[in-house]
Amino acid sequence: MEKYGLKDLLAVIRHEGLYDSNMTLGMDLNSLLSSLDITRDTKSHHCLDAFESPWVETSRSEVQPTFFIPESFKNIKGMLGTDQVEFTSVNRDQPRISLLQDETLFYLFYKHPGSVIQELTYLELRKRNWRYHKTLKVWLTKDPMMEPVVAQDSMSERGSYVFFDPQRWEKCQRDFVLHYNAIM
């Protein structure tokens, strides 16, 4: 126990024989750079000025991801034939909503909960054979290339469906057992 106690620390501090003081007590980076003969740059600043801490966060990516705005978002005013993009009446605005792409409808649905816009987009997505899953809280539609198999109790079907994932903002296809009472 004495080997790791405070009494043995004195030998380290006094630089006695067995211990390499640079490894145990640390080293001043200025003296290290001076011993390596690192000269000053053209601005007369020491190279250590550009040295960041060894604990600087390096796991984050400083690269900005590239995003793009879909054309249907850019041209929404022009497509609707007005400078004002407000949805207040189901009867008046339903034809305007029918001009929008699916992704734009999903955006409006999730962006405006409990509003006329959400109701309009819901109705339009239903016309396009999208169904809202109440427990998963996502939109899905049947894969047009595969016909689902209806269960014997006629309460569900198994097939291939296209889901719209609002977290990743993409459509993905997967096999799924759809219970009819879970969709709207």
N, C-alpha and C. Protein backbone atom coordinates (compact mmCIF):
# COMPACT_ATOMS: atom_id res chain seq x y z
N MET A 1 0.82 -1.20 0.00
CA MET A 1 0.00 0.00 0.00
C MET A 1 0.86 1.26 0.00
N GLU A 2 2.05 1.17 0.63
CA GLU A 2 2.93 2.34 0.67
C GLU A 2 3.37 2.78 -0.72
N LYS A 3 3.45 1.82 -1.65
CA LYS A 3 3.91 2.14 -3.01
C LYS A 3 3.01 3.18 -3.68
N TYR A 4 1.70 3.16 -3.36
CA TYR A 4 0.77 4.08 -3.98
C TYR A 4 0.30 5.18 -3.03
N GLY A 5 0.93 5.34 -1.91
CA GLY A 5 0.53 6.34 -0.92
C GLY A 5 1.19 7.68 -1.17
N LEU A 6 0.93 8.62 -0.26
CA LEU A 6 1.49 9.98 -0.38
C LEU A 6 3.00 10.01 -0.21
N LYS A 7 3.56 9.07 0.59
CA LYS A 7 5.01 9.07 0.82
C LYS A 7 5.75 8.80 -0.48
N ASP A 8 5.22 7.91 -1.33
CA ASP A 8 5.89 7.61 -2.60
C ASP A 8 5.77 8.75 -3.60
N LEU A 9 4.78 9.62 -3.44
CA LEU A 9 4.62 10.75 -4.34
C LEU A 9 5.81 11.71 -4.25
N LEU A 10 6.49 11.76 -3.09
CA LEU A 10 7.66 12.62 -2.93
C LEU A 10 8.76 12.25 -3.91
N ALA A 11 8.94 10.96 -4.16
CA ALA A 11 9.97 10.52 -5.12
C ALA A 11 9.65 11.01 -6.52
N VAL A 12 8.38 11.06 -6.86
CA VAL A 12 7.98 11.53 -8.18
C VAL A 12 8.24 13.03 -8.30
N ILE A 13 7.87 13.78 -7.25
CA ILE A 13 8.04 15.23 -7.28
C ILE A 13 9.52 15.60 -7.32
N ARG A 14 10.37 14.86 -6.63
CA ARG A 14 11.82 15.16 -6.58
C ARG A 14 12.57 14.61 -7.80
N HIS A 15 11.87 13.96 -8.72
CA HIS A 15 12.48 13.40 -9.93
C HIS A 15 13.54 12.36 -9.60
N GLU A 16 13.27 11.52 -8.64
CA GLU A 16 14.22 10.49 -8.24
C GLU A 16 14.09 9.28 -9.16
N GLY A 17 15.15 8.87 -9.70
CA GLY A 17 15.43 7.69 -10.48
C GLY A 17 14.35 6.98 -11.27
N LEU A 18 13.44 6.30 -10.64
CA LEU A 18 12.56 5.37 -11.33
C LEU A 18 11.48 6.02 -12.17
N TYR A 19 11.15 7.27 -11.94
CA TYR A 19 10.01 7.91 -12.57
C TYR A 19 10.44 8.89 -13.66
N ASP A 20 9.75 8.86 -14.76
CA ASP A 20 9.95 9.86 -15.81
C ASP A 20 9.04 11.04 -15.48
N SER A 21 9.61 12.15 -15.11
CA SER A 21 8.81 13.27 -14.62
C SER A 21 7.91 13.84 -15.72
N ASN A 22 8.32 13.77 -16.97
CA ASN A 22 7.48 14.28 -18.06
C ASN A 22 6.19 13.47 -18.18
N MET A 23 6.27 12.21 -17.90
CA MET A 23 5.09 11.35 -18.04
C MET A 23 4.19 11.42 -16.80
N THR A 24 4.77 11.62 -15.65
CA THR A 24 3.96 11.57 -14.44
C THR A 24 3.39 12.92 -14.05
N LEU A 25 4.12 13.98 -14.26
CA LEU A 25 3.66 15.30 -13.83
C LEU A 25 3.16 16.16 -14.98
N GLY A 26 3.37 15.71 -16.19
CA GLY A 26 2.94 16.51 -17.33
C GLY A 26 4.07 17.38 -17.84
N MET A 27 3.79 18.12 -18.92
CA MET A 27 4.84 18.93 -19.53
C MET A 27 4.22 20.19 -20.06
N ASP A 28 4.95 21.28 -19.97
CA ASP A 28 4.50 22.55 -20.50
C ASP A 28 4.61 22.51 -22.02
N LEU A 29 3.51 22.78 -22.72
CA LEU A 29 3.53 22.70 -24.18
C LEU A 29 4.42 23.76 -24.80
N ASN A 30 4.55 24.94 -24.18
CA ASN A 30 5.45 25.96 -24.72
C ASN A 30 6.89 25.46 -24.75
N SER A 31 7.32 24.82 -23.66
CA SER A 31 8.70 24.31 -23.65
C SER A 31 8.86 23.14 -24.62
N LEU A 32 7.82 22.35 -24.78
CA LEU A 32 7.89 21.25 -25.74
C LEU A 32 8.05 21.79 -27.16
N LEU A 33 7.25 22.78 -27.54
CA LEU A 33 7.36 23.34 -28.89
C LEU A 33 8.68 24.05 -29.10
N SER A 34 9.18 24.71 -28.05
CA SER A 34 10.49 25.37 -28.17
C SER A 34 11.59 24.34 -28.37
N SER A 35 11.50 23.22 -27.68
CA SER A 35 12.54 22.19 -27.82
C SER A 35 12.49 21.54 -29.20
N LEU A 36 11.31 21.57 -29.85
CA LEU A 36 11.20 21.01 -31.20
C LEU A 36 11.61 22.02 -32.27
N ASP A 37 12.00 23.22 -31.85
CA ASP A 37 12.44 24.29 -32.73
C ASP A 37 11.35 24.68 -33.73
N ILE A 38 10.15 24.86 -33.24
CA ILE A 38 9.06 25.34 -34.07
C ILE A 38 9.14 26.86 -34.05
N THR A 39 9.32 27.44 -35.21
CA THR A 39 9.53 28.89 -35.28
C THR A 39 8.20 29.62 -35.42
N ARG A 40 8.29 30.93 -35.33
CA ARG A 40 7.11 31.77 -35.44
C ARG A 40 6.68 31.87 -36.90
N ASP A 41 5.38 32.05 -37.11
CA ASP A 41 4.89 32.18 -38.48
C ASP A 41 5.07 33.62 -38.95
N THR A 42 4.55 33.95 -40.12
CA THR A 42 4.78 35.25 -40.72
C THR A 42 4.09 36.38 -39.97
N LYS A 43 3.10 36.10 -39.16
CA LYS A 43 2.40 37.14 -38.43
C LYS A 43 3.01 37.38 -37.05
N SER A 44 4.16 36.77 -36.76
CA SER A 44 4.86 36.91 -35.50
C SER A 44 4.06 36.37 -34.32
N HIS A 45 3.21 35.42 -34.57
CA HIS A 45 2.50 34.75 -33.49
C HIS A 45 3.12 33.38 -33.30
N HIS A 46 3.19 32.98 -32.07
CA HIS A 46 3.74 31.67 -31.79
C HIS A 46 2.78 30.60 -32.30
N CYS A 47 3.29 29.47 -32.72
CA CYS A 47 2.46 28.39 -33.26
C CYS A 47 1.46 27.88 -32.23
N LEU A 48 1.79 28.08 -30.96
CA LEU A 48 0.89 27.60 -29.92
C LEU A 48 -0.42 28.38 -29.92
N ASP A 49 -0.44 29.58 -30.49
CA ASP A 49 -1.67 30.35 -30.55
C ASP A 49 -2.75 29.62 -31.33
N ALA A 50 -2.37 28.82 -32.31
CA ALA A 50 -3.34 28.09 -33.12
C ALA A 50 -3.65 26.72 -32.54
N PHE A 51 -2.95 26.34 -31.48
CA PHE A 51 -3.16 25.03 -30.88
C PHE A 51 -4.44 25.04 -30.06
N GLU A 52 -5.33 24.12 -30.38
CA GLU A 52 -6.56 24.01 -29.61
C GLU A 52 -6.35 23.03 -28.46
N SER A 53 -7.20 23.09 -27.53
CA SER A 53 -7.13 22.21 -26.38
C SER A 53 -7.20 20.75 -26.82
N PRO A 54 -6.53 19.85 -26.12
CA PRO A 54 -6.66 18.43 -26.46
C PRO A 54 -8.06 17.89 -26.20
N TRP A 55 -8.86 18.64 -25.46
CA TRP A 55 -10.22 18.20 -25.14
C TRP A 55 -11.25 18.86 -26.05
N VAL A 56 -10.80 19.51 -27.11
CA VAL A 56 -11.74 20.14 -28.02
C VAL A 56 -12.63 19.07 -28.64
N GLU A 57 -13.88 19.40 -28.84
CA GLU A 57 -14.85 18.45 -29.38
C GLU A 57 -14.51 18.17 -30.84
N THR A 58 -14.18 16.92 -31.14
CA THR A 58 -13.84 16.57 -32.53
C THR A 58 -14.85 15.61 -33.13
N SER A 59 -15.79 15.14 -32.34
CA SER A 59 -16.73 14.16 -32.87
C SER A 59 -17.83 14.82 -33.70
N ARG A 60 -18.07 16.13 -33.50
CA ARG A 60 -19.11 16.79 -34.26
C ARG A 60 -18.60 17.10 -35.66
N SER A 61 -19.48 16.99 -36.59
CA SER A 61 -19.13 17.36 -37.96
C SER A 61 -19.45 18.83 -38.15
N GLU A 62 -18.51 19.57 -38.63
CA GLU A 62 -18.73 21.00 -38.86
C GLU A 62 -19.31 21.25 -40.25
N VAL A 63 -19.54 20.18 -40.98
CA VAL A 63 -20.06 20.31 -42.34
C VAL A 63 -21.57 20.55 -42.27
N GLN A 64 -22.03 21.55 -42.96
CA GLN A 64 -23.46 21.83 -43.01
C GLN A 64 -24.10 20.88 -44.02
N PRO A 65 -25.14 20.15 -43.60
CA PRO A 65 -25.80 19.28 -44.58
C PRO A 65 -26.50 20.10 -45.64
N THR A 66 -26.59 19.55 -46.82
CA THR A 66 -27.25 20.27 -47.90
C THR A 66 -28.73 19.96 -47.87
N PHE A 67 -29.53 20.99 -47.78
CA PHE A 67 -30.97 20.85 -47.81
C PHE A 67 -31.49 21.52 -49.06
N PHE A 68 -32.63 21.08 -49.53
CA PHE A 68 -33.25 21.74 -50.66
C PHE A 68 -34.72 21.90 -50.35
N ILE A 69 -35.30 22.91 -50.92
CA ILE A 69 -36.71 23.18 -50.75
C ILE A 69 -37.42 22.61 -51.97
N PRO A 70 -38.38 21.71 -51.75
CA PRO A 70 -39.10 21.13 -52.90
C PRO A 70 -39.81 22.22 -53.70
N GLU A 71 -39.91 21.99 -54.98
CA GLU A 71 -40.55 22.97 -55.86
C GLU A 71 -41.99 23.25 -55.44
N SER A 72 -42.66 22.23 -54.90
CA SER A 72 -44.05 22.45 -54.50
C SER A 72 -44.14 23.42 -53.32
N PHE A 73 -43.08 23.52 -52.51
CA PHE A 73 -43.08 24.49 -51.42
C PHE A 73 -42.79 25.89 -51.96
N LYS A 74 -41.88 25.97 -52.94
CA LYS A 74 -41.49 27.27 -53.49
C LYS A 74 -42.63 27.93 -54.26
N ASN A 75 -43.36 27.13 -55.00
CA ASN A 75 -44.37 27.68 -55.91
C ASN A 75 -45.79 27.58 -55.37
N ILE A 76 -45.94 27.44 -54.07
CA ILE A 76 -47.27 27.23 -53.52
C ILE A 76 -48.20 28.41 -53.81
N LYS A 77 -47.67 29.64 -53.74
CA LYS A 77 -48.51 30.81 -54.02
C LYS A 77 -48.93 30.85 -55.49
N GLY A 78 -47.98 30.56 -56.37
CA GLY A 78 -48.29 30.58 -57.79
C GLY A 78 -49.24 29.47 -58.19
N MET A 79 -49.08 28.31 -57.57
CA MET A 79 -49.95 27.17 -57.90
C MET A 79 -51.39 27.43 -57.45
N LEU A 80 -51.53 28.12 -56.34
CA LEU A 80 -52.86 28.37 -55.82
C LEU A 80 -53.52 29.58 -56.48
N GLY A 81 -52.75 30.31 -57.29
CA GLY A 81 -53.32 31.44 -58.03
C GLY A 81 -53.61 32.66 -57.19
N THR A 82 -52.89 32.79 -56.09
CA THR A 82 -53.10 33.95 -55.23
C THR A 82 -51.82 34.26 -54.48
N ASP A 83 -51.66 35.50 -54.05
CA ASP A 83 -50.50 35.87 -53.25
C ASP A 83 -50.71 35.52 -51.79
N GLN A 84 -51.95 35.34 -51.40
CA GLN A 84 -52.27 35.07 -50.02
C GLN A 84 -52.47 33.57 -49.84
N VAL A 85 -51.67 32.95 -48.96
CA VAL A 85 -51.79 31.52 -48.70
C VAL A 85 -52.44 31.34 -47.34
N GLU A 86 -53.75 31.44 -47.31
CA GLU A 86 -54.53 31.20 -46.11
C GLU A 86 -55.65 30.24 -46.46
N PHE A 87 -55.87 29.29 -45.59
CA PHE A 87 -56.92 28.32 -45.80
C PHE A 87 -57.94 28.50 -44.68
N THR A 88 -59.11 28.94 -45.03
CA THR A 88 -60.12 29.22 -44.00
C THR A 88 -61.46 28.56 -44.30
N SER A 89 -61.69 28.15 -45.52
CA SER A 89 -62.98 27.59 -45.89
C SER A 89 -62.78 26.28 -46.63
N VAL A 90 -63.42 25.23 -46.14
CA VAL A 90 -63.27 23.91 -46.77
C VAL A 90 -63.80 23.94 -48.19
N ASN A 91 -64.96 24.52 -48.42
CA ASN A 91 -65.56 24.53 -49.76
C ASN A 91 -64.71 25.32 -50.75
N ARG A 92 -64.18 26.47 -50.35
CA ARG A 92 -63.41 27.31 -51.27
C ARG A 92 -62.00 26.77 -51.49
N ASP A 93 -61.39 26.22 -50.46
CA ASP A 93 -59.97 25.87 -50.53
C ASP A 93 -59.70 24.43 -50.98
N GLN A 94 -60.70 23.58 -51.02
CA GLN A 94 -60.48 22.18 -51.43
C GLN A 94 -59.90 22.08 -52.85
N PRO A 95 -60.38 22.85 -53.84
CA PRO A 95 -59.77 22.76 -55.18
C PRO A 95 -58.31 23.24 -55.19
N ARG A 96 -57.99 24.21 -54.34
CA ARG A 96 -56.61 24.71 -54.27
C ARG A 96 -55.69 23.64 -53.68
N ILE A 97 -56.15 22.95 -52.67
CA ILE A 97 -55.36 21.91 -52.02
C ILE A 97 -55.09 20.75 -52.97
N SER A 98 -56.03 20.45 -53.84
CA SER A 98 -55.88 19.31 -54.75
C SER A 98 -54.73 19.49 -55.74
N LEU A 99 -54.22 20.71 -55.88
CA LEU A 99 -53.10 20.97 -56.79
C LEU A 99 -51.74 20.61 -56.18
N LEU A 100 -51.68 20.39 -54.88
CA LEU A 100 -50.40 20.20 -54.19
C LEU A 100 -49.93 18.75 -54.26
N GLN A 101 -48.60 18.58 -54.17
CA GLN A 101 -48.00 17.24 -54.16
C GLN A 101 -48.18 16.60 -52.79
N ASP A 102 -47.99 15.29 -52.74
CA ASP A 102 -48.17 14.55 -51.48
C ASP A 102 -47.29 15.10 -50.36
N GLU A 103 -46.01 15.36 -50.63
CA GLU A 103 -45.09 15.83 -49.59
C GLU A 103 -45.55 17.17 -49.02
N THR A 104 -46.10 18.02 -49.86
CA THR A 104 -46.60 19.30 -49.39
C THR A 104 -47.82 19.09 -48.51
N LEU A 105 -48.67 18.16 -48.88
CA LEU A 105 -49.84 17.84 -48.06
C LEU A 105 -49.43 17.29 -46.70
N PHE A 106 -48.42 16.42 -46.68
CA PHE A 106 -47.93 15.89 -45.41
C PHE A 106 -47.39 17.03 -44.54
N TYR A 107 -46.65 17.92 -45.16
CA TYR A 107 -46.11 19.06 -44.42
C TYR A 107 -47.24 19.88 -43.79
N LEU A 108 -48.23 20.21 -44.58
CA LEU A 108 -49.35 21.01 -44.06
C LEU A 108 -50.12 20.24 -42.98
N PHE A 109 -50.27 18.94 -43.14
CA PHE A 109 -50.99 18.14 -42.16
C PHE A 109 -50.29 18.16 -40.81
N TYR A 110 -48.97 17.93 -40.80
CA TYR A 110 -48.24 17.86 -39.54
C TYR A 110 -47.94 19.25 -38.96
N LYS A 111 -47.89 20.26 -39.82
CA LYS A 111 -47.55 21.62 -39.36
C LYS A 111 -48.73 22.32 -38.69
N HIS A 112 -49.95 22.00 -39.07
CA HIS A 112 -51.13 22.73 -38.59
C HIS A 112 -52.14 21.79 -37.93
N PRO A 113 -51.79 21.22 -36.77
CA PRO A 113 -52.74 20.30 -36.13
C PRO A 113 -53.99 21.03 -35.64
N GLY A 114 -55.13 20.39 -35.81
CA GLY A 114 -56.39 20.93 -35.31
C GLY A 114 -56.91 22.14 -36.07
N SER A 115 -56.48 22.33 -37.31
CA SER A 115 -56.90 23.50 -38.07
C SER A 115 -57.66 23.07 -39.33
N VAL A 116 -58.16 24.07 -40.04
CA VAL A 116 -58.84 23.82 -41.31
C VAL A 116 -57.86 23.22 -42.32
N ILE A 117 -56.62 23.68 -42.27
CA ILE A 117 -55.60 23.16 -43.20
C ILE A 117 -55.42 21.66 -42.99
N GLN A 118 -55.35 21.22 -41.74
CA GLN A 118 -55.18 19.80 -41.48
C GLN A 118 -56.38 19.01 -41.99
N GLU A 119 -57.56 19.54 -41.82
CA GLU A 119 -58.75 18.86 -42.32
C GLU A 119 -58.74 18.76 -43.84
N LEU A 120 -58.36 19.85 -44.50
CA LEU A 120 -58.29 19.85 -45.96
C LEU A 120 -57.26 18.85 -46.48
N THR A 121 -56.10 18.84 -45.87
CA THR A 121 -55.06 17.91 -46.32
C THR A 121 -55.46 16.47 -46.02
N TYR A 122 -56.12 16.25 -44.90
CA TYR A 122 -56.61 14.91 -44.59
C TYR A 122 -57.56 14.42 -45.68
N LEU A 123 -58.51 15.26 -46.06
CA LEU A 123 -59.48 14.87 -47.09
C LEU A 123 -58.80 14.59 -48.42
N GLU A 124 -57.83 15.42 -48.78
CA GLU A 124 -57.13 15.23 -50.06
C GLU A 124 -56.28 13.97 -50.05
N LEU A 125 -55.58 13.71 -48.95
CA LEU A 125 -54.78 12.49 -48.87
C LEU A 125 -55.65 11.24 -48.90
N ARG A 126 -56.83 11.31 -48.30
CA ARG A 126 -57.77 10.20 -48.38
C ARG A 126 -58.19 9.94 -49.82
N LYS A 127 -58.43 11.01 -50.59
CA LYS A 127 -58.79 10.85 -52.01
C LYS A 127 -57.68 10.16 -52.79
N ARG A 128 -56.45 10.36 -52.35
CA ARG A 128 -55.29 9.77 -53.03
C ARG A 128 -54.93 8.39 -52.45
N ASN A 129 -55.84 7.79 -51.71
CA ASN A 129 -55.71 6.45 -51.14
C ASN A 129 -54.67 6.34 -50.01
N TRP A 130 -54.36 7.44 -49.36
CA TRP A 130 -53.54 7.40 -48.16
C TRP A 130 -54.47 7.24 -46.97
N ARG A 131 -54.04 6.46 -45.98
CA ARG A 131 -54.81 6.27 -44.76
C ARG A 131 -53.93 6.63 -43.57
N TYR A 132 -54.55 7.24 -42.55
CA TYR A 132 -53.80 7.64 -41.36
C TYR A 132 -53.93 6.55 -40.30
N HIS A 133 -52.79 6.06 -39.81
CA HIS A 133 -52.78 5.03 -38.78
C HIS A 133 -52.81 5.72 -37.42
N LYS A 134 -53.87 5.46 -36.64
CA LYS A 134 -54.10 6.19 -35.40
C LYS A 134 -53.06 5.90 -34.32
N THR A 135 -52.59 4.67 -34.22
CA THR A 135 -51.62 4.37 -33.17
C THR A 135 -50.19 4.68 -33.58
N LEU A 136 -49.83 4.43 -34.82
CA LEU A 136 -48.48 4.75 -35.30
C LEU A 136 -48.31 6.23 -35.63
N LYS A 137 -49.43 6.92 -35.87
CA LYS A 137 -49.45 8.34 -36.22
C LYS A 137 -48.66 8.64 -37.50
N VAL A 138 -48.84 7.77 -38.49
CA VAL A 138 -48.22 7.95 -39.80
C VAL A 138 -49.24 7.65 -40.89
N TRP A 139 -48.94 8.13 -42.07
CA TRP A 139 -49.78 7.86 -43.24
C TRP A 139 -49.24 6.62 -43.94
N LEU A 140 -50.16 5.83 -44.52
CA LEU A 140 -49.75 4.65 -45.28
C LEU A 140 -50.71 4.44 -46.43
N THR A 141 -50.23 3.75 -47.43
CA THR A 141 -51.04 3.38 -48.58
C THR A 141 -50.59 2.02 -49.07
N LYS A 142 -51.47 1.32 -49.77
CA LYS A 142 -51.13 0.00 -50.29
C LYS A 142 -50.11 0.14 -51.41
N ASP A 143 -49.21 -0.82 -51.47
CA ASP A 143 -48.28 -0.89 -52.58
C ASP A 143 -49.08 -1.29 -53.82
N PRO A 144 -49.06 -0.47 -54.89
CA PRO A 144 -49.88 -0.78 -56.06
C PRO A 144 -49.47 -2.06 -56.79
N MET A 145 -48.28 -2.56 -56.52
CA MET A 145 -47.80 -3.76 -57.22
C MET A 145 -48.20 -5.06 -56.53
N MET A 146 -48.67 -4.97 -55.28
CA MET A 146 -49.01 -6.19 -54.54
C MET A 146 -50.40 -6.06 -53.94
N GLU A 147 -51.15 -7.11 -54.03
CA GLU A 147 -52.50 -7.13 -53.45
C GLU A 147 -52.41 -7.77 -52.06
N PRO A 148 -52.91 -7.11 -51.01
CA PRO A 148 -52.83 -7.69 -49.67
C PRO A 148 -53.76 -8.88 -49.50
N VAL A 149 -53.43 -9.72 -48.53
CA VAL A 149 -54.23 -10.91 -48.22
C VAL A 149 -55.09 -10.59 -47.00
N VAL A 150 -56.40 -10.70 -47.17
CA VAL A 150 -57.33 -10.40 -46.09
C VAL A 150 -57.40 -11.59 -45.14
N ALA A 151 -57.39 -11.30 -43.83
CA ALA A 151 -57.46 -12.35 -42.81
C ALA A 151 -58.84 -13.00 -42.82
N GLN A 152 -58.93 -14.18 -42.21
CA GLN A 152 -60.18 -14.92 -42.20
C GLN A 152 -61.28 -14.19 -41.44
N ASP A 153 -60.91 -13.44 -40.42
CA ASP A 153 -61.92 -12.71 -39.64
C ASP A 153 -62.35 -11.40 -40.31
N SER A 154 -61.77 -11.07 -41.43
CA SER A 154 -62.04 -9.84 -42.20
C SER A 154 -61.83 -8.57 -41.38
N MET A 155 -60.97 -8.63 -40.36
CA MET A 155 -60.68 -7.47 -39.52
C MET A 155 -59.31 -6.88 -39.82
N SER A 156 -58.52 -7.60 -40.64
CA SER A 156 -57.17 -7.13 -40.94
C SER A 156 -56.72 -7.72 -42.27
N GLU A 157 -55.58 -7.21 -42.74
CA GLU A 157 -54.98 -7.74 -43.96
C GLU A 157 -53.47 -7.64 -43.85
N ARG A 158 -52.79 -8.52 -44.53
CA ARG A 158 -51.32 -8.51 -44.54
C ARG A 158 -50.88 -8.22 -45.97
N GLY A 159 -49.97 -7.26 -46.08
CA GLY A 159 -49.48 -6.92 -47.40
C GLY A 159 -48.32 -5.97 -47.35
N SER A 160 -47.95 -5.46 -48.48
CA SER A 160 -46.86 -4.51 -48.60
C SER A 160 -47.46 -3.10 -48.67
N TYR A 161 -46.97 -2.22 -47.81
CA TYR A 161 -47.51 -0.87 -47.71
C TYR A 161 -46.38 0.15 -47.83
N VAL A 162 -46.74 1.31 -48.32
CA VAL A 162 -45.81 2.44 -48.37
C VAL A 162 -46.19 3.37 -47.22
N PHE A 163 -45.24 3.62 -46.34
CA PHE A 163 -45.43 4.50 -45.19
C PHE A 163 -44.74 5.82 -45.44
N PHE A 164 -45.34 6.91 -44.97
CA PHE A 164 -44.65 8.18 -44.98
C PHE A 164 -44.13 8.42 -43.57
N ASP A 165 -42.80 8.44 -43.42
CA ASP A 165 -42.16 8.63 -42.13
C ASP A 165 -41.91 10.11 -41.90
N PRO A 166 -42.64 10.77 -40.97
CA PRO A 166 -42.45 12.20 -40.76
C PRO A 166 -41.14 12.54 -40.06
N GLN A 167 -40.50 11.57 -39.40
CA GLN A 167 -39.23 11.84 -38.74
C GLN A 167 -38.09 11.96 -39.75
N ARG A 168 -38.06 11.05 -40.71
CA ARG A 168 -37.02 11.09 -41.75
C ARG A 168 -37.50 11.79 -43.01
N TRP A 169 -38.77 12.12 -43.05
CA TRP A 169 -39.42 12.81 -44.17
C TRP A 169 -39.17 12.06 -45.48
N GLU A 170 -39.56 10.78 -45.47
CA GLU A 170 -39.41 9.97 -46.67
C GLU A 170 -40.45 8.86 -46.68
N LYS A 171 -40.67 8.34 -47.86
CA LYS A 171 -41.58 7.20 -48.02
C LYS A 171 -40.74 5.93 -47.95
N CYS A 172 -41.24 4.95 -47.18
CA CYS A 172 -40.54 3.68 -47.09
C CYS A 172 -41.56 2.56 -47.20
N GLN A 173 -41.13 1.46 -47.78
CA GLN A 173 -42.03 0.33 -48.04
C GLN A 173 -41.69 -0.80 -47.09
N ARG A 174 -42.73 -1.45 -46.55
CA ARG A 174 -42.50 -2.61 -45.69
C ARG A 174 -43.74 -3.48 -45.63
N ASP A 175 -43.53 -4.73 -45.27
CA ASP A 175 -44.64 -5.67 -45.06
C ASP A 175 -45.26 -5.35 -43.71
N PHE A 176 -46.59 -5.46 -43.66
CA PHE A 176 -47.28 -4.99 -42.47
C PHE A 176 -48.63 -5.67 -42.36
N VAL A 177 -49.06 -5.95 -41.13
CA VAL A 177 -50.41 -6.44 -40.88
C VAL A 177 -51.24 -5.24 -40.47
N LEU A 178 -52.21 -4.91 -41.30
CA LEU A 178 -53.03 -3.72 -41.09
C LEU A 178 -54.38 -4.14 -40.48
N HIS A 179 -54.65 -3.64 -39.29
CA HIS A 179 -55.95 -3.85 -38.65
C HIS A 179 -56.84 -2.68 -39.06
N TYR A 180 -57.98 -2.97 -39.59
CA TYR A 180 -58.85 -1.94 -40.16
C TYR A 180 -59.30 -0.91 -39.11
N ASN A 181 -59.44 -1.32 -37.87
CA ASN A 181 -59.89 -0.38 -36.84
C ASN A 181 -58.80 0.59 -36.41
N ALA A 182 -57.56 0.41 -36.90
CA ALA A 182 -56.46 1.30 -36.54
C ALA A 182 -56.26 2.45 -37.53
N ILE A 183 -57.02 2.45 -38.61
CA ILE A 183 -56.83 3.52 -39.60
C ILE A 183 -58.06 4.41 -39.67
N MET A 184 -57.83 5.62 -40.15
CA MET A 184 -58.92 6.58 -40.33
C MET A 184 -59.10 6.84 -41.81
